[in-house]
Amino acid sequence: MMHLLVGAGAMLGFLSVVHYVRIRKLSVKWWEWVLTVLGIGYAVFVLEMIASFLREGAPRAALVMGVILGFIAILWGVLLARFVFDAKP
């Protein structure tokens, strides 16, 4: 069930980004879309890794790896929002 929720959340996030780009009429290049898809894929990887550590009974490993890799995922998202999806004048 957790896999379905993570996948549904990732798809909802991607469709929200597409909707935001259409509403704001932003010009997003193809390589920026590739970075976005890779970022969402990396976030899914981090969430699935945390879930698998918890399923194995290693909550401390889930916490440590979740914090380390989750920080990179959050930084990736912030940089995408700042440099790709910011309304350019």
Protein backbone atom coordinates (compact mmCIF):
# COMPACT_ATOMS: atom_id res chain seq x y z
CA MET A 1 0.00 0.00 0.00
CA MET A 2 2.88 2.36 0.77
CA HIS A 3 4.22 1.97 -2.77
CA LEU A 4 0.89 3.06 -4.22
CA LEU A 5 0.75 6.13 -1.98
CA VAL A 6 4.30 7.18 -2.88
CA GLY A 7 3.61 6.70 -6.59
CA ALA A 8 0.30 8.56 -6.41
CA GLY A 9 1.97 11.42 -4.53
CA ALA A 10 4.75 11.62 -7.11
CA MET A 11 2.25 11.70 -9.96
CA LEU A 12 0.16 14.32 -8.16
CA GLY A 13 3.29 16.43 -7.68
CA PHE A 14 4.26 16.17 -11.34
CA LEU A 15 0.76 17.04 -12.54
CA SER A 16 0.71 20.00 -10.14
CA VAL A 17 3.95 21.28 -11.64
CA VAL A 18 2.55 20.90 -15.17
CA HIS A 19 -0.62 22.74 -14.13
CA TYR A 20 1.46 25.53 -12.53
CA VAL A 21 3.53 25.94 -15.70
CA ARG A 22 0.40 26.14 -17.86
CA ILE A 23 -1.36 28.62 -15.57
CA ARG A 24 1.69 30.91 -15.34
CA LYS A 25 2.48 30.43 -19.07
CA LEU A 26 6.12 29.72 -18.29
CA SER A 27 8.59 28.71 -20.97
CA VAL A 28 10.30 25.58 -19.68
CA LYS A 29 12.98 23.99 -21.84
CA TRP A 30 13.20 20.23 -22.40
CA TRP A 31 16.28 19.78 -20.22
CA GLU A 32 14.51 21.57 -17.36
CA TRP A 33 11.70 19.01 -17.63
CA VAL A 34 14.33 16.25 -17.53
CA LEU A 35 15.76 17.74 -14.32
CA THR A 36 12.25 17.92 -12.87
CA VAL A 37 11.45 14.29 -13.69
CA LEU A 38 14.82 13.17 -12.30
CA GLY A 39 14.16 15.16 -9.12
CA ILE A 40 10.76 13.55 -8.65
CA GLY A 41 12.31 10.14 -9.31
CA TYR A 42 15.01 10.83 -6.73
CA ALA A 43 12.39 11.87 -4.18
CA VAL A 44 10.51 8.61 -4.83
CA PHE A 45 13.77 6.72 -4.34
CA VAL A 46 14.35 8.42 -0.98
CA LEU A 47 10.82 7.70 0.23
CA GLU A 48 10.97 4.06 -0.89
CA MET A 49 14.36 3.65 0.78
CA ILE A 50 12.96 4.98 4.05
CA ALA A 51 9.95 2.67 3.76
CA SER A 52 12.16 -0.36 3.07
CA PHE A 53 14.40 0.38 6.07
CA LEU A 54 11.32 0.69 8.28
CA ARG A 55 9.92 -2.57 6.88
CA GLU A 56 13.22 -4.30 7.73
CA GLY A 57 13.00 -3.05 11.31
CA ALA A 58 15.82 -0.52 11.17
CA PRO A 59 14.28 2.81 12.20
CA ARG A 60 17.62 4.42 13.02
CA ALA A 61 18.95 3.62 9.55
CA ALA A 62 15.75 5.03 8.04
CA LEU A 63 16.22 8.23 10.02
CA VAL A 64 19.90 8.70 9.18
CA MET A 65 19.61 7.89 5.48
CA GLY A 66 16.32 9.80 5.25
CA VAL A 67 17.91 12.93 6.67
CA ILE A 68 21.02 12.74 4.51
CA LEU A 69 19.35 11.86 1.21
CA GLY A 70 16.19 13.81 2.04
CA PHE A 71 18.24 17.00 2.43
CA ILE A 72 19.57 16.52 -1.09
CA ALA A 73 16.03 15.96 -2.41
CA ILE A 74 14.74 19.10 -0.69
CA LEU A 75 17.70 21.12 -1.96
CA TRP A 76 17.03 19.82 -5.49
CA GLY A 77 13.39 20.90 -5.23
CA VAL A 78 14.28 24.35 -3.91
CA LEU A 79 16.80 24.92 -6.69
CA LEU A 80 14.27 23.80 -9.30
CA ALA A 81 11.64 26.13 -7.88
CA ARG A 82 14.09 29.02 -7.73
CA PHE A 83 15.82 28.73 -11.09
CA VAL A 84 13.38 26.84 -13.35
CA PHE A 85 9.83 27.54 -12.21
CA ASP A 86 10.26 31.10 -10.97
CA ALA A 87 8.25 33.63 -13.01
CA LYS A 88 10.89 35.35 -15.09
CA PRO A 89 10.29 39.00 -16.01
